[in-house]
Protein backbone atom coordinates (compact mmCIF):
# COMPACT_ATOMS: atom_id res chain seq x y z
CA MET A 1 -42.97 -16.07 -37.42
CA LYS A 2 -41.57 -12.58 -37.72
CA GLN A 3 -39.33 -11.64 -34.78
CA THR A 4 -39.64 -8.05 -33.50
CA ASN A 5 -36.40 -6.26 -32.65
CA PHE A 6 -37.46 -4.11 -29.69
CA ILE A 7 -34.08 -2.44 -29.44
CA LYS A 8 -34.64 -0.81 -32.86
CA ASN A 9 -38.26 0.18 -32.15
CA PRO A 10 -38.57 3.95 -31.47
CA ALA A 11 -41.77 3.46 -29.46
CA PHE A 12 -40.02 0.97 -27.19
CA LEU A 13 -37.13 3.39 -26.68
CA PHE A 14 -39.59 6.18 -25.82
CA LEU A 15 -41.42 4.01 -23.25
CA LEU A 16 -38.13 2.97 -21.72
CA LEU A 17 -37.18 6.63 -21.43
CA LEU A 18 -40.43 7.42 -19.61
CA VAL A 19 -39.84 4.60 -17.12
CA LEU A 20 -36.37 5.95 -16.36
CA ILE A 21 -37.66 9.51 -15.94
CA ILE A 22 -40.66 8.64 -13.77
CA ALA A 23 -38.48 6.79 -11.25
CA PRO A 24 -35.60 9.23 -10.60
CA GLY A 25 -35.37 8.23 -6.92
CA ASN A 26 -33.81 4.89 -7.88
CA ALA A 27 -31.04 6.27 -10.06
CA SER A 28 -27.65 4.76 -9.31
CA HIS A 29 -24.16 4.71 -10.71
CA SER A 30 -20.95 2.81 -10.17
CA VAL A 31 -17.42 4.09 -10.55
CA THR A 32 -13.97 2.90 -9.56
CA ALA A 33 -11.93 5.15 -7.31
CA ALA A 34 -8.77 6.42 -8.98
CA GLU A 35 -7.06 7.67 -5.81
CA THR A 36 -3.70 6.22 -4.81
CA VAL A 37 -2.93 3.92 -1.91
CA LYS A 38 -1.68 5.70 1.22
CA ARG A 39 2.04 5.16 1.72
CA HIS A 40 3.89 5.06 5.05
CA GLU A 41 7.59 5.70 5.66
CA VAL A 42 9.21 4.47 8.88
CA VAL A 43 12.83 4.96 9.94
CA PHE A 44 14.21 2.86 12.79
CA LEU A 45 16.80 4.86 14.81
CA LEU A 46 18.81 2.56 17.11
CA ASP A 47 21.34 3.50 19.79
CA VAL A 48 24.29 1.08 19.42
CA SER A 49 26.63 2.74 21.93
CA ASN A 50 28.65 0.85 24.53
CA SER A 51 26.22 1.70 27.35
CA MET A 52 23.56 -0.48 25.65
CA ASN A 53 25.65 -3.53 26.63
CA THR A 54 24.46 -2.90 30.18
CA THR A 55 20.82 -2.03 29.52
CA ASP A 56 20.34 -4.61 26.74
CA ALA A 57 22.79 -7.46 27.22
CA GLU A 58 20.64 -9.90 25.17
CA LYS A 59 20.26 -7.43 22.26
CA LEU A 60 16.48 -7.43 22.51
CA ALA A 61 16.32 -3.86 21.14
CA PRO A 62 17.22 -4.84 17.54
CA ASP A 63 15.00 -7.92 17.99
CA CYS A 64 12.07 -5.63 18.87
CA LEU A 65 12.61 -3.55 15.71
CA GLU A 66 12.97 -6.66 13.55
CA GLU A 67 9.61 -7.92 14.84
CA ILE A 68 7.96 -4.65 13.78
CA LEU A 69 9.77 -4.76 10.43
CA TYR A 70 8.34 -8.14 9.38
CA VAL A 71 4.77 -7.44 10.53
CA LEU A 72 4.25 -4.03 8.86
CA PRO A 73 2.07 -4.33 5.71
CA SER A 74 3.44 -3.92 2.19
CA ASN A 75 2.48 -0.22 1.88
CA TYR A 76 5.12 0.60 4.51
CA SER A 77 8.71 1.46 3.51
CA VAL A 78 11.31 0.97 6.25
CA GLY A 79 14.80 2.48 6.64
CA LEU A 80 17.40 2.12 9.38
CA VAL A 81 19.93 4.41 11.09
CA THR A 82 22.22 3.24 13.91
CA TYR A 83 24.46 5.56 15.89
CA GLY A 84 27.27 5.35 18.44
CA SER A 85 30.01 7.98 18.50
CA ASP A 86 28.63 8.89 15.06
CA VAL A 87 26.21 7.40 12.54
CA GLN A 88 27.18 3.75 11.96
CA THR A 89 24.51 2.55 9.50
CA ALA A 90 22.10 4.41 7.22
CA MET A 91 19.86 2.22 5.07
CA PRO A 92 17.42 4.05 2.72
CA LEU A 93 13.66 3.60 2.70
CA ASP A 94 13.77 1.61 -0.54
CA ALA A 95 16.00 -1.07 1.03
CA LYS A 96 14.56 -4.58 1.05
CA ARG A 97 13.27 -5.78 4.39
CA GLU A 98 15.59 -8.75 4.51
CA GLN A 99 18.53 -6.33 4.16
CA VAL A 100 17.26 -4.20 7.06
CA GLY A 101 16.69 -7.36 9.13
CA ALA A 102 20.22 -8.59 8.40
CA ALA A 103 21.66 -5.22 9.50
CA LEU A 104 19.71 -5.38 12.79
CA ARG A 105 21.04 -8.87 13.52
CA GLN A 106 24.64 -7.70 12.99
CA VAL A 107 24.47 -4.83 15.51
CA ASN A 108 27.38 -4.41 17.94
CA TYR A 109 27.20 -2.05 20.93
CA ILE A 110 30.34 0.09 20.93
CA GLY A 111 31.44 3.72 21.29
CA TYR A 112 29.85 6.88 22.70
CA THR A 113 26.26 8.11 22.20
CA ASN A 114 25.74 10.81 19.59
CA ALA A 115 21.92 10.94 19.48
CA GLY A 116 21.92 14.35 17.76
CA ALA A 117 23.81 13.07 14.72
CA GLY A 118 21.60 9.97 14.63
CA LEU A 119 18.25 11.80 14.61
CA GLU A 120 19.45 14.43 12.14
CA ARG A 121 20.55 11.68 9.73
CA ALA A 122 17.29 9.79 10.16
CA LEU A 123 15.27 12.83 9.05
CA THR A 124 17.27 13.02 5.79
CA LEU A 125 15.97 9.60 4.69
CA PHE A 126 12.38 10.77 4.24
CA LYS A 127 11.18 11.61 0.74
CA ASP A 128 9.22 14.72 -0.18
CA SER A 129 5.95 12.86 -0.61
CA THR A 130 2.47 12.59 0.85
CA ALA A 131 3.43 9.51 2.85
CA ASP A 132 2.95 9.38 6.63
CA LYS A 133 6.41 9.70 8.19
CA THR A 134 7.50 8.14 11.49
CA VAL A 135 10.79 7.69 13.39
CA VAL A 136 11.01 4.92 16.00
CA LEU A 137 13.96 5.79 18.28
CA LEU A 138 15.22 3.09 20.65
CA SER A 139 17.90 4.03 23.21
CA ASP A 140 18.91 3.82 26.87
CA GLY A 141 18.31 7.57 27.07
CA GLU A 142 21.71 9.12 27.46
CA ILE A 143 23.64 11.48 25.20
CA MET A 144 27.37 11.29 25.87
CA LEU A 145 30.53 11.96 23.89
CA ASP A 146 34.19 12.07 24.91
CA ASN A 147 34.08 15.65 26.27
CA PRO A 148 31.42 17.95 27.79
CA ALA A 149 31.44 20.42 24.87
CA ALA A 150 30.79 17.68 22.30
CA THR A 151 28.05 16.24 24.53
CA ARG A 152 26.29 19.62 24.76
CA ALA A 153 26.57 20.09 20.99
CA SER A 154 24.96 16.68 20.36
CA GLU A 155 22.15 17.44 22.83
CA GLU A 156 21.42 20.76 21.10
CA GLN A 157 21.54 19.01 17.71
CA PHE A 158 19.05 16.43 19.00
CA ASN A 159 16.64 19.13 20.23
CA ARG A 160 16.88 21.03 16.92
CA ALA A 161 16.15 17.81 15.00
CA MET A 162 13.12 17.16 17.20
CA GLN A 163 11.76 20.62 16.38
CA ALA A 164 12.46 20.07 12.67
CA ALA A 165 10.50 16.80 12.82
CA VAL A 166 7.51 18.64 14.33
CA GLN A 167 7.62 21.29 11.60
CA ARG A 168 7.78 18.65 8.84
CA GLY A 169 4.97 16.57 10.31
CA ILE A 170 7.26 13.65 11.16
CA ARG A 171 6.18 11.71 14.24
CA VAL A 172 8.99 10.59 16.59
CA TYR A 173 8.20 7.73 18.97
CA THR A 174 10.94 7.33 21.56
CA VAL A 175 11.43 4.00 23.35
CA ALA A 176 13.80 4.44 26.32
CA ILE A 177 15.21 1.52 28.32
CA GLY A 178 16.02 2.06 32.00
CA ASP A 179 15.25 4.58 34.73
CA SER A 180 15.24 8.22 33.58
CA GLY A 181 16.59 9.24 37.02
CA ASN A 182 19.81 7.28 36.44
CA VAL A 183 20.88 8.80 33.11
CA PRO A 184 23.33 11.72 32.83
CA GLN A 185 22.04 15.27 32.55
CA ALA A 186 22.31 15.20 28.74
CA ASN A 187 19.59 12.82 27.58
CA ILE A 188 16.69 12.31 25.17
CA TYR A 189 13.91 12.37 27.79
CA ASP A 190 13.12 16.08 27.97
CA SER A 191 12.73 16.59 24.25
CA ALA A 192 10.81 13.33 23.83
CA ASN A 193 8.45 14.21 26.68
CA ARG A 194 7.67 17.54 25.07
CA GLN A 195 6.44 15.64 22.02
CA GLY A 196 4.36 13.37 24.25
CA MET A 197 5.51 10.23 22.41
CA LEU A 198 7.74 8.48 24.96
CA PHE A 199 7.62 4.79 25.88
CA ASN A 200 9.72 4.05 28.96
CA VAL A 201 10.53 0.48 30.06
CA SER A 202 12.63 -0.44 33.06
CA ASP A 203 13.99 -3.62 31.46
CA ALA A 204 14.77 -4.68 27.88
CA ALA A 205 12.64 -7.80 28.39
CA GLN A 206 9.58 -5.51 28.19
CA LEU A 207 10.38 -4.42 24.63
CA GLY A 208 8.17 -7.16 23.19
CA ASP A 209 5.13 -5.41 24.69
CA VAL A 210 6.29 -2.08 23.26
CA ALA A 211 6.62 -3.63 19.78
CA LYS A 212 2.97 -4.67 19.92
CA LYS A 213 1.84 -1.25 21.14
CA LEU A 214 3.63 0.35 18.21
CA LEU A 215 2.19 -2.13 15.72
CA TYR A 216 -1.41 -2.28 16.92
CA LYS A 217 -1.92 1.10 18.62
CA VAL A 218 0.42 3.53 16.87
CA PHE A 219 0.41 2.12 13.33
CA GLY A 220 -3.12 0.72 13.64
CA ILE A 221 -2.31 -2.72 12.21
CA ALA A 222 -5.34 -5.00 12.42
CA LYS A 223 -4.82 -8.45 13.96
CA THR A 224 -6.75 -11.41 15.30
CA ALA A 225 -5.55 -13.20 18.42
CA VAL A 226 -5.02 -16.90 17.67
CA SER A 227 -3.63 -18.62 20.71
CA SER A 228 -1.93 -17.98 24.04
CA GLY A 229 -0.80 -20.26 26.82
CA GLU A 230 2.12 -22.25 28.14
CA LEU A 231 4.99 -23.03 25.80
CA GLN A 232 5.02 -26.68 26.78
CA ASN A 233 2.89 -27.50 23.71
CA ASP A 234 4.98 -28.00 20.59
CA THR A 235 2.19 -27.42 18.03
CA VAL A 236 -0.20 -24.56 17.32
CA HIS A 237 -3.09 -24.95 14.87
CA VAL A 238 -4.14 -21.76 13.09
CA ARG A 239 -7.26 -21.55 10.96
CA LEU A 240 -7.74 -18.62 8.58
CA PRO A 241 -11.21 -17.16 9.28
CA LEU A 242 -12.27 -16.46 5.68
CA ALA A 243 -14.27 -18.91 3.58
CA ARG A 244 -12.39 -17.82 0.42
CA SER A 245 -8.63 -17.85 0.82
CA ASP A 246 -8.11 -16.42 -2.70
CA SER A 247 -9.13 -12.99 -1.39
CA ILE A 248 -6.09 -12.90 0.94
CA HIS A 249 -2.91 -11.39 -0.51
CA LYS A 250 -0.75 -12.11 2.54
CA ALA A 251 -1.31 -13.89 5.85
CA LYS A 252 1.21 -13.39 8.65
CA ILE A 253 1.29 -15.30 11.91
CA LEU A 254 3.28 -13.52 14.63
CA LEU A 255 4.52 -15.67 17.51
CA THR A 256 5.91 -13.86 20.56
CA SER A 257 7.35 -15.33 23.73
CA THR A 258 8.77 -14.23 27.07
CA VAL A 259 11.60 -16.74 26.56
CA PRO A 260 13.75 -17.48 23.48
CA LEU A 261 12.07 -19.24 20.54
CA SER A 262 13.93 -21.69 18.32
CA ASN A 263 13.36 -24.30 15.60
CA ILE A 264 10.06 -22.84 14.39
CA GLY A 265 8.50 -24.78 11.54
CA ALA A 266 5.24 -24.45 9.64
CA SER A 267 3.02 -26.65 7.46
CA TYR A 268 0.76 -24.83 4.98
CA THR A 269 -0.42 -24.56 1.39
CA ALA A 270 0.36 -21.22 -0.27
CA GLN A 271 1.84 -19.76 -3.42
CA SER A 272 4.99 -19.11 -1.36
CA GLY A 273 5.96 -18.74 2.27
CA GLU A 274 8.80 -18.25 4.70
CA THR A 275 9.46 -18.39 8.44
CA LEU A 276 11.46 -15.53 9.95
CA ASN A 277 12.96 -16.19 13.38
CA GLY A 278 14.11 -13.64 15.95
CA LYS A 279 15.19 -14.14 19.54
CA ARG A 280 11.74 -13.92 21.09
CA PHE A 281 9.51 -13.79 18.04
CA ALA A 282 8.85 -15.59 14.79
CA VAL A 283 6.79 -14.54 11.76
CA VAL A 284 5.29 -17.05 9.33
CA ASN A 285 4.73 -15.07 6.13
CA LEU A 286 2.39 -16.66 3.56
CA GLN A 287 1.91 -15.23 0.08
CA GLN A 288 -1.58 -15.99 -1.29
CA PRO A 289 -2.50 -18.88 1.04
CA GLN A 290 -4.47 -21.63 -0.70
CA SER A 291 -5.93 -23.44 2.30
CA GLU A 292 -7.42 -22.32 5.59
CA ALA A 293 -5.29 -24.46 7.92
CA VAL A 294 -1.73 -23.67 9.07
CA GLN A 295 0.17 -25.81 11.57
CA LEU A 296 3.11 -24.40 13.53
CA HIS A 297 5.78 -26.54 15.16
CA LEU A 298 7.52 -24.86 18.09
CA GLY A 299 10.83 -25.21 19.83
CA THR A 300 11.62 -23.13 22.94
CA ALA A 301 14.03 -22.83 25.82
CA GLY A 302 11.24 -23.96 28.15
CA GLY A 303 8.78 -22.08 30.35
CA GLY A 304 7.36 -18.67 29.61
CA ASN A 305 4.20 -17.54 27.83
CA MET A 306 3.48 -17.44 24.13
CA GLN A 307 0.98 -15.51 22.05
CA ALA A 308 0.05 -15.92 18.38
CA ASP A 309 -1.53 -13.14 16.29
CA LEU A 310 -2.91 -13.45 12.77
CA ILE A 311 -2.45 -10.47 10.43
CA LEU A 312 -4.36 -10.56 7.11
CA GLU A 313 -3.57 -8.30 4.17
CA MET A 314 -5.69 -7.68 1.04
CA ASN A 315 -5.02 -5.53 -2.03
CA ALA A 316 -8.11 -3.70 -3.22
CA LEU A 317 -9.68 -1.20 -5.54
CA VAL A 318 -12.79 0.52 -4.21
CA GLN A 319 -15.92 0.78 -6.33
CA VAL A 320 -18.75 3.15 -5.43
CA GLU A 321 -22.49 2.79 -5.87
CA VAL A 322 -24.84 5.66 -5.03
CA LYS A 323 -28.64 5.33 -4.96
CA ASN A 324 -31.22 7.95 -4.00
CA THR A 325 -33.60 6.39 -1.48
CA SER A 326 -36.33 9.03 -1.04
CA SER A 327 -38.29 11.20 -3.47
CA GLY A 328 -41.19 12.66 -1.42
CA LEU A 329 -41.16 16.43 -1.03
CA SER A 330 -41.57 16.23 2.76
CA GLU A 331 -38.81 13.69 3.28
CA GLN A 332 -35.17 14.48 3.81
CA LYS A 333 -33.27 13.52 0.71
CA LYS A 334 -30.78 10.71 1.38
CA ALA A 335 -28.30 8.79 -0.69
CA GLU A 336 -27.61 5.11 -0.08
CA VAL A 337 -23.86 4.69 -0.55
CA ARG A 338 -22.12 1.36 -0.99
CA LEU A 339 -18.34 1.08 -1.07
CA ILE A 340 -17.23 -2.18 -2.68
CA PRO A 341 -13.61 -3.28 -2.16
CA VAL A 342 -12.69 -5.61 -5.04
CA SER A 343 -9.53 -7.55 -5.75
CA THR A 344 -6.88 -5.77 -7.80
CA VAL A 345 -6.35 -9.05 -9.68
CA ASN A 346 -10.01 -9.99 -10.22
CA GLN A 347 -12.40 -7.04 -10.03
CA ASN A 348 -15.38 -9.42 -10.03
CA LEU A 349 -14.24 -10.66 -6.60
CA ARG A 350 -15.78 -8.70 -3.74
CA LEU A 351 -13.25 -9.05 -0.93
CA LEU A 352 -15.79 -8.54 1.88
CA HIS A 353 -18.38 -10.96 0.46
CA ASP A 354 -17.64 -13.52 3.16
CA PRO A 355 -19.55 -14.74 6.26
CA TYR A 356 -16.65 -13.48 8.39
CA PHE A 357 -17.46 -9.85 7.49
CA GLU A 358 -21.24 -10.01 7.07
CA GLY A 359 -23.05 -7.71 9.51
CA LYS A 360 -19.89 -6.17 10.97
CA SER A 361 -19.87 -2.43 11.62
CA VAL A 362 -17.04 -0.16 10.52
CA ARG A 363 -16.28 3.49 11.20
CA VAL A 364 -16.56 5.77 8.17
CA THR A 365 -15.47 9.41 8.07
CA ALA A 366 -17.36 11.52 5.51
CA ASN A 367 -16.30 15.15 5.09
CA GLY A 368 -14.71 15.01 8.56
CA GLN A 369 -17.79 13.57 10.31
CA GLU A 370 -17.67 10.02 11.69
CA ILE A 371 -20.61 7.72 10.92
CA THR A 372 -21.12 3.97 11.11
CA GLY A 373 -21.20 1.70 8.09
CA LEU A 374 -22.42 -1.90 7.91
CA VAL A 375 -21.04 -4.74 5.80
CA GLU A 376 -23.79 -6.20 3.63
CA LYS A 377 -23.13 -8.72 0.83
CA GLY A 378 -19.60 -7.57 0.21
CA THR A 379 -20.38 -3.84 0.41
CA ILE A 380 -19.98 -1.21 3.12
CA LEU A 381 -23.39 0.44 3.40
CA PHE A 382 -24.07 3.89 4.87
CA PHE A 383 -26.24 6.93 4.13
CA LEU A 384 -25.38 10.54 3.29
CA PRO A 385 -27.58 13.63 2.87
CA ALA A 386 -28.60 14.18 -0.76
CA ASP A 387 -30.28 17.59 -0.61
CA LYS A 388 -27.57 19.15 -2.78
CA SER A 389 -24.89 18.24 -5.28
CA GLN A 390 -21.57 17.58 -3.59
CA SER A 391 -18.41 15.52 -3.70
CA VAL A 392 -17.88 13.80 -0.35
CA ALA A 393 -14.41 12.66 0.78
CA VAL A 394 -14.82 9.30 2.52
CA LYS A 395 -12.29 7.37 4.62
CA VAL A 396 -12.94 3.90 6.04
CA ARG A 397 -11.27 2.32 9.09
CA TYR A 398 -10.93 -1.11 7.53
CA GLN A 399 -9.03 -2.19 10.68
CA ASP A 400 -12.44 -2.39 12.41
CA LEU A 401 -13.09 -5.47 10.25
CA GLY A 402 -9.93 -7.24 11.47
CA ILE A 403 -8.04 -6.90 8.17
CA ASN A 404 -5.39 -4.68 6.63
CA LEU A 405 -6.89 -3.51 3.34
CA ILE A 406 -4.27 -1.93 1.08
CA ALA A 407 -6.63 0.38 -0.79
CA PRO A 408 -7.01 4.08 -1.66
CA ASP A 409 -6.92 6.11 1.55
CA THR A 410 -9.71 8.44 0.39
CA THR A 411 -12.65 7.70 -1.89
CA TYR A 412 -14.74 10.52 -3.35
CA VAL A 413 -18.48 9.91 -3.50
CA GLU A 414 -20.47 12.08 -5.89
CA ILE A 415 -23.90 13.04 -4.52
CA ASN A 416 -26.02 14.66 -7.23
CA ARG A 417 -29.43 16.22 -6.71
CA PRO A 418 -29.85 18.70 -9.58
CA GLU A 419 -32.03 21.83 -9.37
CA GLY A 420 -34.90 22.56 -11.85
CA TYR A 421 -35.97 18.95 -12.09
CA GLY A 422 -38.99 19.59 -14.40
CA LYS A 423 -36.93 21.48 -16.95
CA ILE A 424 -34.33 18.73 -16.98
CA ILE A 425 -37.02 16.08 -17.58
CA ALA A 426 -38.48 18.09 -20.46
CA SER A 427 -35.03 18.56 -22.02
CA ILE A 428 -34.23 14.87 -21.75
CA THR A 429 -37.60 13.92 -23.23
CA VAL A 430 -37.09 16.15 -26.27
CA SER A 431 -33.56 14.81 -26.76
CA PHE A 432 -34.68 11.19 -26.65
CA LEU A 433 -37.59 11.87 -29.03
CA ALA A 434 -35.07 13.24 -31.51
CA ILE A 435 -32.95 10.12 -31.05
CA ALA A 436 -36.03 7.92 -31.60
CA VAL A 437 -36.83 9.71 -34.87
CA LEU A 438 -33.23 9.29 -35.99
CA VAL A 439 -33.31 5.56 -35.22
CA TRP A 440 -36.58 5.19 -37.14
CA TRP A 441 -35.10 7.01 -40.14
CA ARG A 442 -32.05 4.80 -40.18
CA MET A 443 -34.28 1.70 -40.03
CA ARG A 444 -36.05 2.93 -43.20
CA LYS A 445 -32.89 3.53 -45.11
CA PRO A 446 -29.96 1.56 -43.78
CA GLU A 447 -26.56 2.87 -44.64
CA PRO A 448 -23.32 0.92 -44.53
CA VAL A 449 -21.18 1.78 -41.55
CA PRO A 450 -17.67 2.73 -42.65
CA PRO A 451 -14.84 1.01 -40.78
CA ALA A 452 -13.22 2.98 -37.98
CA PRO A 453 -10.08 4.76 -39.13
CA PRO A 454 -6.79 3.45 -37.70
CA PRO A 455 -5.39 5.43 -34.76
CA PRO A 456 -3.13 8.27 -35.95
CA ALA A 457 0.59 7.75 -35.63
CA SER A 458 2.39 9.84 -33.06
CA ARG A 459 3.79 13.07 -34.43
CA TYR A 460 6.82 12.66 -32.20
CA GLU A 461 9.87 10.45 -32.58
CA TYR A 462 11.88 8.41 -30.09
CA ALA A 463 14.85 10.21 -28.62
CA GLY A 464 16.53 7.85 -26.16
CA LYS A 465 17.36 4.32 -25.08
CA LEU A 466 16.29 1.92 -22.34
CA LYS A 467 18.53 0.33 -19.73
CA LEU A 468 16.84 -2.77 -18.33
CA TYR A 469 17.78 -4.61 -15.14
CA VAL A 470 15.95 -7.85 -14.31
CA THR A 471 16.35 -7.76 -10.53
CA LYS A 472 14.32 -10.92 -9.95
CA ALA A 473 13.73 -13.58 -12.60
CA PRO A 474 10.92 -16.19 -12.45
CA ASP A 475 13.52 -18.96 -12.11
CA ASP A 476 15.79 -16.88 -9.79
CA SER A 477 18.53 -16.86 -12.44
CA ASP A 478 20.94 -13.95 -12.86
CA VAL A 479 20.30 -11.79 -15.93
CA ALA A 480 22.89 -9.34 -17.22
CA PRO A 481 21.77 -5.70 -17.69
CA MET A 482 20.32 -5.04 -21.15
CA GLU A 483 20.17 -1.95 -23.35
CA TYR A 484 17.76 -1.11 -26.15
CA ASN A 485 18.23 1.90 -28.42
CA LEU A 486 14.76 3.20 -29.26
CA TYR A 487 16.23 6.06 -31.30
CA ARG A 488 17.97 3.70 -33.68
CA HIS A 489 15.23 1.13 -34.29
CA PHE A 490 11.92 2.95 -34.10
CA ARG A 491 10.61 6.30 -35.24
CA LYS A 492 6.97 6.72 -34.30
CA GLU A 493 5.30 3.37 -33.85
CA GLU A 494 4.21 1.90 -30.50
CA ILE A 495 6.29 -0.98 -29.09
CA SER A 496 5.64 -3.35 -26.19
CA LEU A 497 8.04 -4.08 -23.36
CA GLY A 498 7.78 -7.77 -24.29
CA THR A 499 9.05 -7.01 -27.80
CA VAL A 500 11.94 -4.99 -26.38
CA LEU A 501 12.93 -7.85 -24.04
CA GLU A 502 12.57 -10.38 -26.88
CA ASN A 503 14.87 -8.31 -29.12
CA CYS A 504 17.35 -8.11 -26.23
CA GLY A 505 17.47 -11.92 -26.19
CA LEU A 506 15.77 -12.52 -22.85
CA PRO A 507 15.45 -16.34 -22.57
CA PHE A 508 12.06 -16.36 -20.79
CA ASN A 509 8.78 -14.47 -20.86
CA LEU A 510 7.77 -12.05 -18.09
CA ALA A 511 4.02 -12.24 -17.49
CA GLY A 512 2.29 -9.07 -18.67
CA ALA A 513 5.29 -7.60 -20.52
CA TYR A 514 3.47 -7.65 -23.88
CA LYS A 515 0.70 -5.48 -22.37
CA VAL A 516 3.07 -2.67 -21.33
CA PHE A 517 3.66 -0.24 -24.21
CA PHE A 518 6.02 2.59 -25.13
CA SER A 519 5.43 5.42 -27.61
CA PRO A 520 7.25 8.71 -28.26
CA GLY A 521 6.07 11.89 -26.55
CA ALA A 522 6.75 15.60 -26.52
CA ASN A 523 10.01 17.07 -25.23
CA LYS A 524 11.82 13.77 -25.83
CA ALA A 525 9.70 12.04 -23.19
CA LEU A 526 8.69 8.40 -23.38
CA VAL A 527 4.98 7.61 -23.01
CA LEU A 528 4.50 4.49 -20.86
CA THR A 529 1.04 2.88 -21.08
CA ASN A 530 -0.06 0.07 -18.77
CA LYS A 531 -2.63 -2.38 -20.17
CA SER A 532 -1.49 -5.16 -17.83
CA ASP A 533 -2.03 -6.30 -14.25
CA CYS A 534 1.63 -5.60 -13.44
CA THR A 535 2.55 -3.33 -10.52
CA ILE A 536 4.32 -0.35 -12.11
CA LEU A 537 5.82 2.36 -9.89
CA LYS A 538 7.27 5.71 -10.92
CA ASN A 539 8.67 7.71 -8.00
CA ARG A 540 6.51 5.53 -5.69
CA ASP A 541 3.39 6.50 -7.67
CA LEU A 542 1.38 3.54 -8.94
CA LEU A 543 0.55 3.49 -12.67
CA VAL A 544 -2.84 1.81 -12.67
CA LYS A 545 -4.20 -0.31 -15.51
CA ASP A 546 -5.34 1.52 -18.69
CA HIS A 547 -3.43 4.67 -17.70
CA SER A 548 -0.26 6.30 -19.05
CA CYS A 549 2.55 8.43 -17.69
CA LEU A 550 5.49 10.38 -19.12
CA VAL A 551 9.04 9.16 -18.47
CA TYR A 552 11.86 11.66 -18.85
CA PHE A 553 15.58 11.11 -19.18
CA HIS A 554 17.26 9.53 -16.12
CA GLU A 555 13.94 8.51 -14.52
CA ARG A 556 13.47 4.94 -13.32
CA ILE A 557 10.42 2.68 -13.43
CA HIS A 558 10.02 -0.33 -11.11
CA ILE A 559 7.87 -3.16 -12.48
CA THR A 560 6.61 -6.25 -10.64
CA PHE A 561 5.12 -8.58 -13.25
CA GLU A 562 1.80 -10.42 -13.14
CA ASP A 563 3.36 -13.57 -11.60
CA GLU A 564 4.27 -11.33 -8.57
CA LYS A 565 7.71 -12.96 -8.54
CA SER A 566 9.59 -11.29 -11.40
CA GLU A 567 10.86 -7.72 -11.06
CA LEU A 568 12.53 -5.29 -13.44
CA ILE A 569 13.97 -1.78 -13.21
CA LEU A 570 13.75 0.32 -16.37
CA GLU A 571 15.88 3.46 -16.81
CA TYR A 572 15.29 5.90 -19.67
CA LYS A 573 18.51 7.51 -20.87
CA SER A 574 19.58 9.87 -23.62
CA VAL A 575 21.74 8.66 -26.49
CA LYS A 576 25.08 10.02 -27.59
CA PRO A 577 25.44 11.44 -31.11
CA SER A 578 27.49 8.39 -32.07
CA GLU A 579 24.59 6.09 -31.17
CA ARG A 580 22.08 7.75 -33.51
CA HIS A 581 23.18 5.98 -36.67
């Protein structure tokens, strides 16, 4: 029996065209948002003067900041400035969190109180970027140096720095311990009150409550309450609420207590995990949990109340589907919009396709107007007017769903309702008829299809060398810095990072390295192309998969490989004349 190939039949193509044209109200499209994830920069500013020995004898102020440090999601960068008579510590925003935590635990209260120098230094840590910027200042309120003139100068410096923060869009949240009526005339209260961002507690023991207000109210971190009650029980059972644990990038369990916590242990199944203990808090941090049950073993000083919060974090890309839902002339034209958060590792995995999210409502802001979306089968469904062509900026409060979704802050939805519909239909019909005739002609007289020509070689040549620093190896071994002279070994051809590392004698493979490529570019630049699932950052900008960027001399690239354990810093440098032969 002869088998008909409908795909090559011009009549079939023409009928298919008519079906598509007759039903324009059901047209839809899907795209992936290319916007970048919103970044946040936070600087902790801590008063470590001698007077804090009185207001905070147990050193609960650094404990409060350390609690915030370990709960903030991964799209937050945290720096630290401490001040006494002058600035004592200044840790940049790219410092690792364990380094900031170690510095907070080593705080000593000594010297006078130069708040002006502290705040001025804190403002210098922020980058010129689109990140949200916040200072969290924790002090007993006073400004005092060894003479009245120096005290007045520091107070004026503090007020000027506050005004500079306002002008630069930097939020300053001031946490003051003690009674404002008992501090000297020179203090932080007046300037902080003018900003309207002052938390005042009479006793340092209340700082735990302030930490939660900052986390959940100010920073908007989503959490789920797990357990609260007397600390006489030595075990807490936590169950992750999602049916699919592979959609969770990180799960954090925050334990807080009104009395000291000690000997915290945890039983779980995860790719990796750690327990971070403070004086009155503990954080169990799980990377990619692989089971829904976590058991915590507690040790305390006795008495007091405990609370456990669950903080879930997901990494997502956002896909968009738009479908016109009405075609009658008398009806208002509407577009059915579905936002689909998918895993950055597996884009076939819809992160919200879980009974936990189904039917939940979420606030959506479209072009500045707030509407309500509904979770349906892994999508966030809402409707927008479709009476004209427009690009709509959409923001979603994913916190309403009880999760922290690390995803593009803004997604642009294209709503298209073209004018002159009849003319467009006629034009499309004529075009497809011409295509049908062409297909029919080629069926009559088949012609061999020539092979695709190879991609043209770059017209540029390499001009520099690579310095490579493996900052974290898969086996935690130490790797000496490596250097690779691109100018000497290659002229125009593309080369992978894996090949470079292999030629440098690296004893192990880094997952995804052979899918990261270099090629020469104009003005001696290096073209970096990402075909991998690695996390590649240039100046805090993410280089997404299947995209390229230019790297110029003395610029650095930070790469976290596909195993999410191994890390490398790549620096592109010029070569000396003696190195060119």
